[in-house]
Protein backbone atom coordinates (compact mmCIF):
# COMPACT_ATOMS: atom_id res chain seq x y z
CA MET A 1 0.00 0.00 0.00
CA LYS A 2 0.88 3.63 -0.29
CA ILE A 3 0.89 4.80 3.33
CA ARG A 4 1.53 8.26 4.74
CA ILE A 5 2.06 9.14 8.41
CA ILE A 6 1.36 12.68 9.57
CA GLY A 7 2.92 13.54 12.91
CA THR A 8 6.10 14.43 14.70
CA ALA A 9 9.40 12.96 13.47
CA TYR A 10 13.00 13.98 12.96
CA PRO A 11 14.32 16.68 13.43
CA TYR A 12 11.95 16.73 16.42
CA ARG A 13 12.82 14.58 19.38
CA GLY A 14 11.01 12.54 22.01
CA GLY A 15 8.97 9.38 22.32
CA LEU A 16 6.27 10.31 19.81
CA ALA A 17 8.82 11.02 17.10
CA ALA A 18 10.52 7.72 17.91
CA PHE A 19 7.17 5.92 17.67
CA ASN A 20 6.34 7.31 14.22
CA GLU A 21 9.79 6.56 12.87
CA ARG A 22 9.76 3.01 14.24
CA LEU A 23 6.29 2.44 12.76
CA ALA A 24 7.52 3.71 9.38
CA HIS A 25 10.49 1.34 9.56
CA GLU A 26 8.11 -1.57 10.10
CA TYR A 27 5.98 -0.60 7.10
CA ALA A 28 9.13 -0.23 4.98
CA ARG A 29 10.27 -3.69 6.11
CA GLN A 30 6.94 -5.07 4.92
CA GLY A 31 7.46 -3.52 1.48
CA HIS A 32 4.96 -0.64 1.65
CA ASP A 33 5.51 2.80 0.14
CA ILE A 34 5.86 4.86 3.34
CA VAL A 35 6.48 8.58 3.89
CA ILE A 36 6.25 10.64 7.08
CA TYR A 37 4.99 14.21 6.82
CA THR A 38 6.22 16.15 9.81
CA PHE A 39 6.25 19.75 10.94
CA THR A 40 8.07 22.85 9.83
CA HIS A 41 6.57 24.43 12.96
CA GLN A 42 5.38 22.02 15.66
CA TYR A 43 4.57 24.23 18.65
CA PRO A 44 4.74 27.94 19.26
CA ASN A 45 7.62 28.41 21.71
CA PHE A 46 5.30 29.50 24.51
CA LEU A 47 3.55 26.10 24.41
CA PHE A 48 6.73 24.03 24.62
CA PRO A 49 7.85 23.30 28.20
CA GLY A 50 11.30 21.87 27.48
CA LYS A 51 14.65 23.35 26.52
CA SER A 52 14.56 22.38 22.84
CA GLN A 53 12.16 20.71 20.42
CA TYR A 54 14.98 19.45 18.24
CA SER A 55 17.19 16.38 18.17
CA ASP A 56 20.99 16.57 18.06
CA ALA A 57 21.20 13.12 16.46
CA GLU A 58 21.83 12.31 12.82
CA ALA A 59 18.80 12.16 10.54
CA PRO A 60 17.56 8.63 9.82
CA ASN A 61 18.98 7.87 6.37
CA ASP A 62 16.56 5.04 5.59
CA LEU A 63 13.28 6.93 5.95
CA LYS A 64 11.62 9.55 3.79
CA ILE A 65 10.58 12.39 6.11
CA ILE A 66 9.12 15.53 4.56
CA ARG A 67 8.88 18.69 6.65
CA LYS A 68 5.78 20.45 5.37
CA VAL A 69 3.13 20.88 8.11
CA HIS A 70 2.77 24.18 9.97
CA SER A 71 0.67 23.38 13.02
CA TYR A 72 -0.78 26.88 13.44
CA ASN A 73 -1.12 28.18 9.88
CA PRO A 74 -4.57 27.33 8.43
CA LEU A 75 -3.52 28.18 4.86
CA ASN A 76 -0.78 25.58 5.16
CA TRP A 77 -3.28 22.96 6.32
CA LEU A 78 -5.33 23.41 3.15
CA LYS A 79 -2.27 23.27 0.93
CA VAL A 80 -0.83 20.15 2.56
CA GLY A 81 -4.22 18.44 2.49
CA ARG A 82 -4.60 19.09 -1.23
CA GLU A 83 -1.07 17.88 -2.01
CA ILE A 84 -1.50 14.62 -0.13
CA ALA A 85 -4.96 14.10 -1.64
CA GLU A 86 -3.43 14.35 -5.12
CA GLU A 87 -0.97 11.55 -4.22
CA LYS A 88 -3.96 9.26 -3.57
CA PRO A 89 -2.36 7.27 -0.76
CA ASP A 90 -4.31 4.20 0.31
CA VAL A 91 -4.00 5.06 3.99
CA VAL A 92 -3.05 8.19 5.93
CA ILE A 93 -2.28 7.70 9.62
CA PHE A 94 -2.54 10.78 11.81
CA ALA A 95 -0.42 10.34 14.93
CA TYR A 96 -2.56 12.36 17.33
CA TRP A 97 -1.60 13.26 20.89
CA MET A 98 -3.01 16.62 21.92
CA SER A 99 -5.95 18.96 21.28
CA PHE A 100 -3.73 21.73 19.94
CA MET A 101 -3.12 19.54 16.86
CA ALA A 102 -6.81 18.82 16.23
CA PRO A 103 -7.62 21.82 13.96
CA CYS A 104 -4.48 21.25 11.89
CA MET A 105 -4.86 17.50 11.54
CA GLY A 106 -8.64 17.67 11.12
CA THR A 107 -8.42 20.15 8.25
CA ILE A 108 -5.69 18.21 6.46
CA ALA A 109 -7.76 15.02 6.83
CA ARG A 110 -10.87 16.77 5.47
CA LYS A 111 -8.99 17.90 2.36
CA ILE A 112 -7.49 14.44 1.81
CA HIS A 113 -10.99 12.96 1.89
CA ASP A 114 -11.81 14.98 -1.24
CA ASN A 115 -10.04 12.33 -3.32
CA ARG A 116 -12.66 9.75 -2.28
CA HIS A 117 -9.97 7.08 -2.09
CA THR A 118 -7.79 7.50 0.99
CA LYS A 119 -8.75 5.97 4.31
CA ILE A 120 -7.96 8.13 7.33
CA ILE A 121 -6.77 6.37 10.49
CA ALA A 122 -6.24 8.19 13.78
CA LEU A 123 -3.46 6.65 15.84
CA VAL A 124 -4.40 8.14 19.19
CA HIS A 125 -1.83 8.33 21.98
CA ASN A 126 -4.03 10.56 24.15
CA MET A 127 -7.55 11.70 23.32
CA ILE A 128 -7.86 13.69 26.52
CA PRO A 129 -4.53 15.05 27.84
CA HIS A 130 -3.18 14.28 31.29
CA GLU A 131 -3.45 17.98 32.12
CA PRO A 132 -6.67 19.03 30.31
CA ASN A 133 -7.91 22.54 29.57
CA LEU A 134 -10.92 24.16 27.89
CA SER A 135 -9.70 23.43 24.35
CA ASP A 136 -9.95 19.70 25.07
CA LYS A 137 -13.74 20.00 25.08
CA ILE A 138 -13.85 21.77 21.71
CA PHE A 139 -11.06 20.83 19.30
CA PRO A 140 -10.90 16.99 19.43
CA ARG A 141 -14.46 16.58 18.19
CA TYR A 142 -13.54 18.35 14.93
CA PHE A 143 -10.61 16.02 14.31
CA VAL A 144 -12.60 12.91 15.20
CA LYS A 145 -15.27 13.82 12.61
CA GLN A 146 -12.71 13.69 9.80
CA THR A 147 -11.43 10.18 10.51
CA ASP A 148 -12.59 6.78 9.27
CA GLY A 149 -11.17 4.63 12.06
CA PHE A 150 -9.06 4.64 15.19
CA ILE A 151 -6.28 2.68 16.80
CA ALA A 152 -5.36 3.37 20.42
CA LEU A 153 -2.62 2.07 22.68
CA SER A 154 -4.83 1.41 25.70
CA GLU A 155 -8.45 0.52 26.45
CA SER A 156 -8.84 3.75 28.42
CA VAL A 157 -8.10 5.79 25.28
CA ILE A 158 -10.73 3.82 23.33
CA LYS A 159 -13.26 4.91 25.96
CA ASP A 160 -12.12 8.51 25.60
CA ILE A 161 -12.51 8.36 21.81
CA ASP A 162 -16.06 7.05 22.26
CA LYS A 163 -16.94 10.29 24.06
CA TYR A 164 -16.31 12.21 20.82
CA ASP A 165 -17.14 9.68 18.10
CA LYS A 166 -20.89 9.58 17.46
CA ARG A 167 -20.59 7.63 14.17
CA ASN A 168 -19.33 4.42 15.80
CA CYS A 169 -16.30 4.21 13.51
CA PRO A 170 -14.12 1.08 13.57
CA LYS A 171 -11.75 1.09 16.53
CA ALA A 172 -9.07 -1.22 17.85
CA PHE A 173 -6.78 -1.37 20.84
CA SER A 174 -3.24 -2.62 20.44
CA SER A 175 -0.64 -2.23 23.15
CA HIS A 176 2.33 0.03 22.59
CA PRO A 177 4.93 -2.02 20.69
CA ILE A 178 8.43 -2.40 22.08
CA TYR A 179 10.92 0.42 21.59
CA ASP A 180 13.72 -1.76 20.25
CA HIS A 181 15.82 0.91 18.55
CA TYR A 182 17.93 2.01 21.54
CA GLY A 183 20.71 -0.51 21.07
CA ASN A 184 21.62 -3.60 23.05
CA LYS A 185 21.65 -4.12 26.77
CA LEU A 186 25.06 -3.48 28.28
CA PRO A 187 26.77 -5.40 31.09
CA ARG A 188 25.79 -3.73 34.35
CA GLU A 189 29.39 -2.86 35.19
CA THR A 190 29.90 -1.20 31.81
CA ALA A 191 26.71 0.85 32.13
CA LEU A 192 27.62 1.99 35.64
CA GLN A 193 31.08 2.99 34.51
CA LEU A 194 29.71 4.99 31.56
CA LEU A 195 27.29 6.78 33.91
CA ASN A 196 29.95 7.25 36.60
CA LEU A 197 27.82 5.41 39.17
CA ASP A 198 29.09 3.50 42.20
CA PRO A 199 28.64 -0.28 41.71
CA GLN A 200 28.16 -0.93 45.44
CA PHE A 201 24.61 0.48 45.26
CA ARG A 202 21.46 -0.85 43.58
CA TYR A 203 19.57 1.58 41.35
CA VAL A 204 15.90 2.43 40.96
CA LEU A 205 15.24 4.31 37.72
CA PHE A 206 12.73 7.05 36.97
CA PHE A 207 13.03 7.75 33.24
CA GLY A 208 11.50 10.28 30.85
CA PHE A 209 10.30 13.84 30.72
CA ILE A 210 9.35 15.03 34.19
CA ARG A 211 5.80 16.33 34.39
CA ASP A 212 3.53 16.71 37.40
CA TYR A 213 1.22 13.82 36.48
CA LYS A 214 4.13 11.37 36.37
CA GLY A 215 4.36 11.32 40.16
CA LEU A 216 8.07 11.81 40.75
CA ASP A 217 7.12 13.47 44.03
CA LEU A 218 5.53 10.18 45.15
CA LEU A 219 8.70 8.25 44.34
CA ILE A 220 10.85 10.78 46.19
CA SER A 221 8.60 10.41 49.23
CA ALA A 222 8.83 6.62 48.91
CA PHE A 223 12.61 6.89 49.24
CA ALA A 224 12.12 8.55 52.63
CA ASP A 225 10.04 5.59 53.82
CA GLU A 226 11.62 3.52 56.60
CA LYS A 227 10.93 0.34 54.59
CA ILE A 228 13.58 1.07 51.97
CA LYS A 229 16.09 3.22 53.82
CA HIS A 230 18.14 0.16 54.78
CA LEU A 231 18.29 -1.39 51.32
CA GLY A 232 21.30 0.53 49.99
CA LEU A 233 19.40 2.00 47.05
CA LYS A 234 19.88 5.08 44.94
CA LEU A 235 17.11 6.71 42.93
CA LEU A 236 18.36 7.63 39.48
CA VAL A 237 16.19 10.31 37.85
CA ALA A 238 16.94 10.54 34.12
CA GLY A 239 14.99 13.02 32.04
CA GLU A 240 14.36 16.67 31.38
CA PHE A 241 12.07 18.77 33.55
CA TYR A 242 8.89 19.75 31.67
CA THR A 243 7.61 21.48 34.79
CA SER A 244 9.26 23.58 37.48
CA GLU A 245 12.10 21.74 39.18
CA THR A 246 11.85 23.87 42.31
CA PRO A 247 9.24 21.81 44.24
CA PHE A 248 11.15 18.57 43.60
CA LEU A 249 14.49 20.00 44.72
CA ALA A 250 12.84 21.45 47.83
CA GLN A 251 11.24 18.09 48.59
CA ILE A 252 14.58 16.28 48.29
CA GLN A 253 16.19 18.78 50.62
CA LYS A 254 13.35 18.66 53.13
CA LEU A 255 13.48 14.87 53.30
CA LYS A 256 17.30 14.93 53.50
CA LEU A 257 17.63 12.69 50.45
CA GLU A 258 20.45 14.53 48.69
CA ASP A 259 22.73 11.48 49.06
CA ASN A 260 20.06 9.04 47.93
CA ILE A 261 18.88 10.66 44.71
CA ILE A 262 20.94 11.23 41.56
CA LEU A 263 19.54 13.79 39.13
CA ARG A 264 20.46 13.54 35.46
CA THR A 265 17.90 16.05 34.24
CA ASP A 266 19.18 16.96 30.81
CA TYR A 267 17.55 15.39 27.77
CA ILE A 268 18.79 11.80 27.41
CA PRO A 269 19.90 11.22 23.79
CA ASN A 270 18.93 7.96 22.11
CA ASN A 271 22.47 6.58 22.14
CA GLU A 272 22.62 6.83 25.94
CA VAL A 273 19.25 5.30 26.82
CA ASN A 274 20.67 1.77 27.06
CA ARG A 275 23.11 2.90 29.76
CA TYR A 276 20.31 3.83 32.15
CA PHE A 277 18.20 0.72 31.62
CA SER A 278 21.25 -1.52 31.83
CA ALA A 279 22.39 0.07 35.09
CA ALA A 280 18.96 -0.03 36.73
CA ASP A 281 17.68 -2.95 38.76
CA ILE A 282 14.10 -1.80 38.32
CA VAL A 283 12.16 1.02 36.65
CA VAL A 284 9.40 2.76 38.62
CA GLN A 285 6.56 4.66 36.94
CA PRO A 286 4.67 6.27 39.84
CA TYR A 287 2.16 7.97 37.54
CA LYS A 288 -0.90 9.70 38.98
CA THR A 289 -2.72 9.49 35.64
CA ALA A 290 -1.78 7.70 32.42
CA THR A 291 -2.97 6.26 29.15
CA GLN A 292 0.11 4.21 28.25
CA SER A 293 3.84 4.80 28.36
CA GLY A 294 6.75 4.30 26.02
CA VAL A 295 8.99 3.94 29.08
CA THR A 296 7.36 0.59 29.80
CA GLN A 297 8.21 -0.58 26.31
CA ILE A 298 11.82 0.51 26.64
CA ALA A 299 11.96 -1.53 29.84
CA PHE A 300 10.55 -4.52 27.94
CA HIS A 301 13.28 -4.21 25.33
CA PHE A 302 16.03 -4.24 27.96
CA CYS A 303 14.23 -6.84 30.14
CA THR A 304 14.28 -4.43 33.08
CA PRO A 305 11.66 -5.20 35.78
CA MET A 306 9.02 -2.54 36.48
CA ILE A 307 6.81 -1.09 39.16
CA VAL A 308 3.80 0.79 37.76
CA THR A 309 0.74 2.36 39.30
CA ASN A 310 -2.74 1.08 38.51
CA VAL A 311 -3.75 4.01 36.30
CA GLY A 312 -4.73 4.08 32.63
CA GLY A 313 -3.30 1.30 30.51
CA LEU A 314 -0.20 0.62 32.61
CA PRO A 315 -1.65 -2.43 34.45
CA GLU A 316 -2.75 -3.94 31.11
CA ILE A 317 0.82 -4.80 30.14
CA VAL A 318 2.63 -5.43 33.44
CA PRO A 319 1.46 -8.75 34.91
CA ASP A 320 1.60 -8.24 38.68
CA GLY A 321 4.15 -10.46 40.40
CA LYS A 322 5.44 -11.83 37.10
CA ILE A 323 7.56 -9.08 35.54
CA GLY A 324 7.04 -6.40 38.17
CA TYR A 325 4.47 -5.02 40.55
CA ILE A 326 1.33 -2.93 40.24
CA THR A 327 0.63 -0.55 43.09
CA GLN A 328 -1.52 2.39 44.09
CA PRO A 329 -0.24 5.89 43.25
CA ASP A 330 0.73 6.31 46.89
CA ALA A 331 4.24 6.84 48.29
CA HIS A 332 3.96 4.18 51.02
CA GLN A 333 2.53 1.58 48.65
CA ILE A 334 5.31 2.30 46.15
CA ALA A 335 7.85 1.84 48.96
CA ILE A 336 6.29 -1.52 49.86
CA ALA A 337 6.63 -2.69 46.24
CA ILE A 338 10.28 -1.58 46.04
CA ASP A 339 11.02 -3.32 49.32
CA LYS A 340 9.32 -6.51 48.16
CA PHE A 341 11.34 -6.56 44.94
CA PHE A 342 14.75 -6.19 46.58
CA THR A 343 14.07 -8.15 49.77
CA ASN A 344 12.81 -11.17 47.80
CA ASN A 345 15.56 -10.91 45.16
CA LYS A 346 13.10 -10.91 42.28
CA HIS A 347 15.35 -9.38 39.64
CA ASP A 348 16.50 -12.52 37.81
CA GLU A 349 13.05 -14.14 37.88
CA PHE A 350 11.32 -11.03 36.52
CA GLU A 351 14.03 -10.48 33.91
CA HIS A 352 13.54 -14.02 32.60
CA ASN A 353 9.76 -13.61 32.49
CA ILE A 354 10.02 -10.33 30.57
CA SER A 355 12.07 -12.03 27.84
CA GLU A 356 9.01 -14.21 27.14
CA GLU A 357 6.31 -11.61 27.80
CA LYS A 358 7.72 -9.03 25.40
CA LYS A 359 7.08 -11.28 22.40
CA LYS A 360 3.47 -10.04 22.54
CA TYR A 361 4.50 -6.54 21.55
CA ALA A 362 6.01 -6.91 18.09
CA TRP A 363 5.52 -4.04 15.64
CA SER A 364 4.12 -6.49 13.09
CA ARG A 365 1.21 -7.15 15.44
CA PHE A 366 0.53 -3.43 15.66
CA THR A 367 0.49 -2.95 11.88
CA GLN A 368 -1.74 -6.01 11.59
CA LYS A 369 -4.29 -4.26 13.82
CA ILE A 370 -4.18 -1.21 11.56
CA ASP A 371 -4.72 -3.48 8.54
CA GLU A 372 -7.79 -4.91 10.25
CA ILE A 373 -9.21 -1.42 10.79
CA VAL A 374 -8.58 -0.55 7.13
CA GLU A 375 -10.43 -3.72 6.13
CA MET A 376 -13.38 -2.83 8.39
CA ILE A 377 -13.54 0.65 6.86
CA THR A 378 -13.52 -0.83 3.36
CA ILE A 379 -16.38 -3.20 4.23
CA ASP A 380 -18.39 -0.35 5.78
CA LYS A 381 -17.90 1.89 2.74
CA ASN A 382 -18.83 -0.86 0.30
CA SER A 383 -21.93 -1.64 2.36
CA ASN A 384 -22.98 2.02 2.44
CA ALA A 385 -22.41 2.35 -1.32
CA GLN A 386 -24.69 -0.63 -2.00
CA ASN A 387 -27.39 0.84 0.21
């Protein structure tokens, strides 16, 4: 098929760009004609919470990525929509993650539909953001109206889509595939040496952009719990602050945890990700709200055990007591789970189980789900044409 993806990709950085590029690689591997259309302007600067939107890495030389979409220029939306419509792709996948993108993506989709050939699929990471505002009640509905079908990465997102979709379009849930493009797992000693970490300690990893809903404050409080003070652990925080760092630094100081917490709060480039997951004994995602998380799928790739909270789609992919633990988003409960993991020496058992469990999350399974949605759309359109 001729497939186009519209969403963030190189030169932009982050998990969503990585997802779209990895999906495109899978389609290319299968022999499809695949192009990613990404942004010339992704966010106005005042909407971007980090230090930079752009990657310092080399451009992927085996993907066709066209920078053409201006997210806040309506004339551009019409132009891009017309150009893609003229290509007559079989499928266009909009990688949707926030309401700000709904007018842009919705208008491009509407123009593509003018060719009466292309099927529009919304690949929805979040239908309703973790930190919603008034626009989330208005803009998503417009985008949803322009699509023919949906694929989401968690059941909770399917339910959110249903709040906006009154046409009962085809939908499918398929768990986030594994992020397997960050290199191989390193020997623990090598990873610790590269990160300049002391091998006499065990390491609990918090990884990814730091935002309020991700619950780093809960994990910091857990490290002050008497249950884990005696375990000889260090909390390794790896990721850029996308919110004010001041409350977290004050909390660490107040709890006298300066010697227990290591902050590596610059953006972690792709070629260093394997160091953190190879050094860590366990990854903790103490999220207060969630849909799904790419961090979980990085942990799967490196067979690193996990502790996740029972919010959103996180419990759907972490079998409790098999590859990690599921807990309440509560500091004491998180501390109990950390204590249980280290006291019972569960690392090797969980690592072995992950090596089997992760086979469920191949990218080919994800594209197969999209193919099934395309087939359902085709059947629906043929049925409507006959009627």
